[in-house]
Amino acid sequence: MKLNCIMCGRPVEIEVFKPDPYDEDEDDVPAKKPVVFCQICEAKIRSESDQVQKVPKPM
């Protein structure tokens, strides 16, 4: 399935797994479109979050 990154718009290829026919927990509710980030944007988000986190104060 081809989707676009929600930050930069690059095309991203994701694998879609078919549901197990023997799985009874699955509802018949249609699934939402997944939120997708490309690898570059995902790495950017992780590096920014690592820089923002505070160092715990010593007790």
PDB file of N, CA and C in Angstrom:
ATOM      1  N   MET A   1       0.853  -1.162   0.000  1.00  0.00           N
ATOM      2  CA  MET A   1       0.000   0.000   0.000  1.00  0.00           C
ATOM      3  C   MET A   1       0.905   1.234   0.000  1.00  0.00           C
ATOM      4  N   LYS A   2       0.627   2.169  -0.873  1.00  0.00           N
ATOM      5  CA  LYS A   2       1.415   3.387  -0.950  1.00  0.00           C
ATOM      6  C   LYS A   2       0.666   4.529  -0.278  1.00  0.00           C
ATOM      7  N   LEU A   3       1.346   5.164   0.658  1.00  0.00           N
ATOM      8  CA  LEU A   3       0.823   6.330   1.356  1.00  0.00           C
ATOM      9  C   LEU A   3       1.877   7.423   1.293  1.00  0.00           C
ATOM     10  N   ASN A   4       1.504   8.610   1.703  1.00  0.00           N
ATOM     11  CA  ASN A   4       2.440   9.729   1.738  1.00  0.00           C
ATOM     12  C   ASN A   4       2.755  10.084   3.184  1.00  0.00           C
ATOM     13  N   CYS A   5       3.994  10.518   3.405  1.00  0.00           N
ATOM     14  CA  CYS A   5       4.424  10.999   4.720  1.00  0.00           C
ATOM     15  C   CYS A   5       3.580  12.222   5.062  1.00  0.00           C
ATOM     16  N   ILE A   6       3.112  12.301   6.314  1.00  0.00           N
ATOM     17  CA  ILE A   6       2.241  13.422   6.673  1.00  0.00           C
ATOM     18  C   ILE A   6       3.023  14.712   6.905  1.00  0.00           C
ATOM     19  N   MET A   7       4.358  14.626   7.024  1.00  0.00           N
ATOM     20  CA  MET A   7       5.143  15.835   7.231  1.00  0.00           C
ATOM     21  C   MET A   7       5.682  16.405   5.918  1.00  0.00           C
ATOM     22  N   CYS A   8       6.293  15.552   5.090  1.00  0.00           N
ATOM     23  CA  CYS A   8       6.955  16.068   3.892  1.00  0.00           C
ATOM     24  C   CYS A   8       6.259  15.655   2.596  1.00  0.00           C
ATOM     25  N   GLY A   9       5.396  14.660   2.639  1.00  0.00           N
ATOM     26  CA  GLY A   9       4.656  14.259   1.453  1.00  0.00           C
ATOM     27  C   GLY A   9       5.353  13.233   0.581  1.00  0.00           C
ATOM     28  N   ARG A  10       6.494  12.717   1.025  1.00  0.00           N
ATOM     29  CA  ARG A  10       7.182  11.690   0.244  1.00  0.00           C
ATOM     30  C   ARG A  10       6.349  10.411   0.216  1.00  0.00           C
ATOM     31  N   PRO A  11       6.365   9.690  -0.900  1.00  0.00           N
ATOM     32  CA  PRO A  11       5.638   8.416  -0.938  1.00  0.00           C
ATOM     33  C   PRO A  11       6.331   7.371  -0.066  1.00  0.00           C
ATOM     34  N   VAL A  12       5.523   6.622   0.701  1.00  0.00           N
ATOM     35  CA  VAL A  12       6.032   5.600   1.614  1.00  0.00           C
ATOM     36  C   VAL A  12       5.292   4.302   1.309  1.00  0.00           C
ATOM     37  N   GLU A  13       6.040   3.229   1.167  1.00  0.00           N
ATOM     38  CA  GLU A  13       5.457   1.910   0.909  1.00  0.00           C
ATOM     39  C   GLU A  13       5.337   1.178   2.243  1.00  0.00           C
ATOM     40  N   ILE A  14       4.128   0.719   2.581  1.00  0.00           N
ATOM     41  CA  ILE A  14       3.930  -0.047   3.807  1.00  0.00           C
ATOM     42  C   ILE A  14       3.308  -1.392   3.459  1.00  0.00           C
ATOM     43  N   GLU A  15       3.592  -2.383   4.305  1.00  0.00           N
ATOM     44  CA  GLU A  15       3.028  -3.712   4.095  1.00  0.00           C
ATOM     45  C   GLU A  15       1.681  -3.789   4.789  1.00  0.00           C
ATOM     46  N   VAL A  16       0.732  -4.405   4.109  1.00  0.00           N
ATOM     47  CA  VAL A  16      -0.585  -4.609   4.691  1.00  0.00           C
ATOM     48  C   VAL A  16      -0.773  -6.099   4.873  1.00  0.00           C
ATOM     49  N   PHE A  17      -1.035  -6.501   6.111  1.00  0.00           N
ATOM     50  CA  PHE A  17      -1.234  -7.905   6.411  1.00  0.00           C
ATOM     51  C   PHE A  17      -2.716  -8.234   6.357  1.00  0.00           C
ATOM     52  N   LYS A  18      -3.026  -9.350   5.751  1.00  0.00           N
ATOM     53  CA  LYS A  18      -4.421  -9.771   5.683  1.00  0.00           C
ATOM     54  C   LYS A  18      -4.836 -10.298   7.055  1.00  0.00           C
ATOM     55  N   PRO A  19      -6.049  -9.979   7.482  1.00  0.00           N
ATOM     56  CA  PRO A  19      -6.483 -10.449   8.800  1.00  0.00           C
ATOM     57  C   PRO A  19      -6.645 -11.967   8.814  1.00  0.00           C
ATOM     58  N   ASP A  20      -6.407 -12.533   9.965  1.00  0.00           N
ATOM     59  CA  ASP A  20      -6.540 -13.971  10.148  1.00  0.00           C
ATOM     60  C   ASP A  20      -8.017 -14.354  10.071  1.00  0.00           C
ATOM     61  N   PRO A  21      -8.411 -15.266   9.200  1.00  0.00           N
ATOM     62  CA  PRO A  21      -9.829 -15.621   9.093  1.00  0.00           C
ATOM     63  C   PRO A  21     -10.360 -16.318  10.337  1.00  0.00           C
ATOM     64  N   TYR A  22      -9.464 -16.867  11.160  1.00  0.00           N
ATOM     65  CA  TYR A  22      -9.898 -17.575  12.373  1.00  0.00           C
ATOM     66  C   TYR A  22      -9.928 -16.668  13.599  1.00  0.00           C
ATOM     67  N   ASP A  23      -9.549 -15.414  13.439  1.00  0.00           N
ATOM     68  CA  ASP A  23      -9.541 -14.459  14.552  1.00  0.00           C
ATOM     69  C   ASP A  23     -10.962 -13.944  14.765  1.00  0.00           C
ATOM     70  N   GLU A  24     -11.544 -14.268  15.912  1.00  0.00           N
ATOM     71  CA  GLU A  24     -12.923 -13.881  16.197  1.00  0.00           C
ATOM     72  C   GLU A  24     -13.016 -12.521  16.871  1.00  0.00           C
ATOM     73  N   ASP A  25     -11.898 -11.960  17.314  1.00  0.00           N
ATOM     74  CA  ASP A  25     -11.917 -10.674  18.004  1.00  0.00           C
ATOM     75  C   ASP A  25     -12.051  -9.509  17.032  1.00  0.00           C
ATOM     76  N   GLU A  26     -11.839  -9.753  15.774  1.00  0.00           N
ATOM     77  CA  GLU A  26     -11.870  -8.679  14.778  1.00  0.00           C
ATOM     78  C   GLU A  26     -13.303  -8.210  14.562  1.00  0.00           C
ATOM     79  N   ASP A  27     -13.505  -6.906  14.686  1.00  0.00           N
ATOM     80  CA  ASP A  27     -14.821  -6.324  14.425  1.00  0.00           C
ATOM     81  C   ASP A  27     -14.942  -6.001  12.948  1.00  0.00           C
ATOM     82  N   ASP A  28     -16.141  -5.739  12.494  1.00  0.00           N
ATOM     83  CA  ASP A  28     -16.369  -5.386  11.108  1.00  0.00           C
ATOM     84  C   ASP A  28     -16.334  -3.880  10.900  1.00  0.00           C
ATOM     85  N   VAL A  29     -15.618  -3.169  11.759  1.00  0.00           N
ATOM     86  CA  VAL A  29     -15.491  -1.718  11.653  1.00  0.00           C
ATOM     87  C   VAL A  29     -14.386  -1.411  10.642  1.00  0.00           C
ATOM     88  N   PRO A  30     -14.644  -0.548   9.673  1.00  0.00           N
ATOM     89  CA  PRO A  30     -13.587  -0.228   8.713  1.00  0.00           C
ATOM     90  C   PRO A  30     -12.417   0.475   9.395  1.00  0.00           C
ATOM     91  N   ALA A  31     -11.213   0.116   8.994  1.00  0.00           N
ATOM     92  CA  ALA A  31     -10.011   0.664   9.620  1.00  0.00           C
ATOM     93  C   ALA A  31      -9.737   2.070   9.097  1.00  0.00           C
ATOM     94  N   LYS A  32      -9.146   2.896   9.979  1.00  0.00           N
ATOM     95  CA  LYS A  32      -8.757   4.247   9.586  1.00  0.00           C
ATOM     96  C   LYS A  32      -7.473   4.181   8.779  1.00  0.00           C
ATOM     97  N   LYS A  33      -7.198   5.221   8.030  1.00  0.00           N
ATOM     98  CA  LYS A  33      -5.955   5.321   7.293  1.00  0.00           C
ATOM     99  C   LYS A  33      -4.824   5.514   8.303  1.00  0.00           C
ATOM    100  N   PRO A  34      -3.772   4.710   8.238  1.00  0.00           N
ATOM    101  CA  PRO A  34      -2.702   4.829   9.236  1.00  0.00           C
ATOM    102  C   PRO A  34      -1.900   6.119   9.065  1.00  0.00           C
ATOM    103  N   VAL A  35      -1.368   6.624  10.180  1.00  0.00           N
ATOM    104  CA  VAL A  35      -0.504   7.806  10.159  1.00  0.00           C
ATOM    105  C   VAL A  35       0.889   7.311   9.810  1.00  0.00           C
ATOM    106  N   VAL A  36       1.479   7.885   8.759  1.00  0.00           N
ATOM    107  CA  VAL A  36       2.753   7.382   8.250  1.00  0.00           C
ATOM    108  C   VAL A  36       3.780   8.495   8.188  1.00  0.00           C
ATOM    109  N   PHE A  37       4.984   8.208   8.685  1.00  0.00           N
ATOM    110  CA  PHE A  37       6.134   9.090   8.560  1.00  0.00           C
ATOM    111  C   PHE A  37       7.194   8.374   7.740  1.00  0.00           C
ATOM    112  N   CYS A  38       7.896   9.096   6.871  1.00  0.00           N
ATOM    113  CA  CYS A  38       9.018   8.490   6.155  1.00  0.00           C
ATOM    114  C   CYS A  38      10.182   8.331   7.141  1.00  0.00           C
ATOM    115  N   GLN A  39      11.214   7.591   6.747  1.00  0.00           N
ATOM    116  CA  GLN A  39      12.332   7.334   7.660  1.00  0.00           C
ATOM    117  C   GLN A  39      13.077   8.609   8.024  1.00  0.00           C
ATOM    118  N   ILE A  40      13.176   9.544   7.100  1.00  0.00           N
ATOM    119  CA  ILE A  40      13.900  10.793   7.360  1.00  0.00           C
ATOM    120  C   ILE A  40      13.163  11.628   8.399  1.00  0.00           C
ATOM    121  N   CYS A  41      11.839  11.778   8.231  1.00  0.00           N
ATOM    122  CA  CYS A  41      11.052  12.566   9.188  1.00  0.00           C
ATOM    123  C   CYS A  41      10.995  11.879  10.545  1.00  0.00           C
ATOM    124  N   GLU A  42      10.913  10.549  10.551  1.00  0.00           N
ATOM    125  CA  GLU A  42      10.891   9.816  11.814  1.00  0.00           C
ATOM    126  C   GLU A  42      12.200  10.005  12.570  1.00  0.00           C
ATOM    127  N   ALA A  43      13.327   9.970  11.866  1.00  0.00           N
ATOM    128  CA  ALA A  43      14.622  10.195  12.505  1.00  0.00           C
ATOM    129  C   ALA A  43      14.728  11.627  13.030  1.00  0.00           C
ATOM    130  N   LYS A  44      14.185  12.578  12.280  1.00  0.00           N
ATOM    131  CA  LYS A  44      14.202  13.973  12.706  1.00  0.00           C
ATOM    132  C   LYS A  44      13.383  14.157  13.991  1.00  0.00           C
ATOM    133  N   ILE A  45      12.223  13.532  14.064  1.00  0.00           N
ATOM    134  CA  ILE A  45      11.366  13.624  15.247  1.00  0.00           C
ATOM    135  C   ILE A  45      12.064  13.020  16.457  1.00  0.00           C
ATOM    136  N   ARG A  46      12.693  11.857  16.264  1.00  0.00           N
ATOM    137  CA  ARG A  46      13.371  11.201  17.388  1.00  0.00           C
ATOM    138  C   ARG A  46      14.550  12.021  17.880  1.00  0.00           C
ATOM    139  N   SER A  47      15.337  12.603  16.973  1.00  0.00           N
ATOM    140  CA  SER A  47      16.492  13.389  17.412  1.00  0.00           C
ATOM    141  C   SER A  47      16.045  14.651  18.135  1.00  0.00           C
ATOM    142  N   GLU A  48      14.972  15.290  17.667  1.00  0.00           N
ATOM    143  CA  GLU A  48      14.464  16.477  18.347  1.00  0.00           C
ATOM    144  C   GLU A  48      13.921  16.141  19.734  1.00  0.00           C
ATOM    145  N   SER A  49      13.252  14.990  19.860  1.00  0.00           N
ATOM    146  CA  SER A  49      12.703  14.620  21.168  1.00  0.00           C
ATOM    147  C   SER A  49      13.818  14.241  22.138  1.00  0.00           C
ATOM    148  N   ASP A  50      14.905  13.651  21.637  1.00  0.00           N
ATOM    149  CA  ASP A  50      16.037  13.317  22.511  1.00  0.00           C
ATOM    150  C   ASP A  50      16.709  14.576  23.035  1.00  0.00           C
ATOM    151  N   GLN A  51      16.758  15.632  22.236  1.00  0.00           N
ATOM    152  CA  GLN A  51      17.387  16.878  22.658  1.00  0.00           C
ATOM    153  C   GLN A  51      16.533  17.626  23.678  1.00  0.00           C
ATOM    154  N   VAL A  52      15.223  17.448  23.619  1.00  0.00           N
ATOM    155  CA  VAL A  52      14.310  18.196  24.475  1.00  0.00           C
ATOM    156  C   VAL A  52      14.184  17.577  25.864  1.00  0.00           C
ATOM    157  N   GLN A  53      14.366  16.270  25.974  1.00  0.00           N
ATOM    158  CA  GLN A  53      14.163  15.612  27.263  1.00  0.00           C
ATOM    159  C   GLN A  53      15.157  16.120  28.292  1.00  0.00           C
ATOM    160  N   LYS A  54      14.650  16.341  29.499  1.00  0.00           N
ATOM    161  CA  LYS A  54      15.461  16.887  30.569  1.00  0.00           C
ATOM    162  C   LYS A  54      16.221  15.757  31.283  1.00  0.00           C
ATOM    163  N   VAL A  55      17.394  16.101  31.790  1.00  0.00           N
ATOM    164  CA  VAL A  55      18.191  15.163  32.582  1.00  0.00           C
ATOM    165  C   VAL A  55      17.618  15.159  33.994  1.00  0.00           C
ATOM    166  N   PRO A  56      17.370  13.972  34.581  1.00  0.00           N
ATOM    167  CA  PRO A  56      16.821  13.945  35.939  1.00  0.00           C
ATOM    168  C   PRO A  56      17.812  14.521  36.953  1.00  0.00           C
ATOM    169  N   LYS A  57      17.279  15.246  37.932  1.00  0.00           N
ATOM    170  CA  LYS A  57      18.115  15.852  38.959  1.00  0.00           C
ATOM    171  C   LYS A  57      18.536  14.772  39.956  1.00  0.00           C
ATOM    172  N   PRO A  58      19.783  14.839  40.440  1.00  0.00           N
ATOM    173  CA  PRO A  58      20.210  13.864  41.442  1.00  0.00           C
ATOM    174  C   PRO A  58      19.519  14.121  42.779  1.00  0.00           C
ATOM    175  N   MET A  59      19.247  13.076  43.484  1.00  0.00           N
ATOM    176  CA  MET A  59      18.532  13.192  44.764  1.00  0.00           C
ATOM    177  C   MET A  59      19.510  13.447  45.886  1.00  0.00           C
TER     178      MET A  59
END
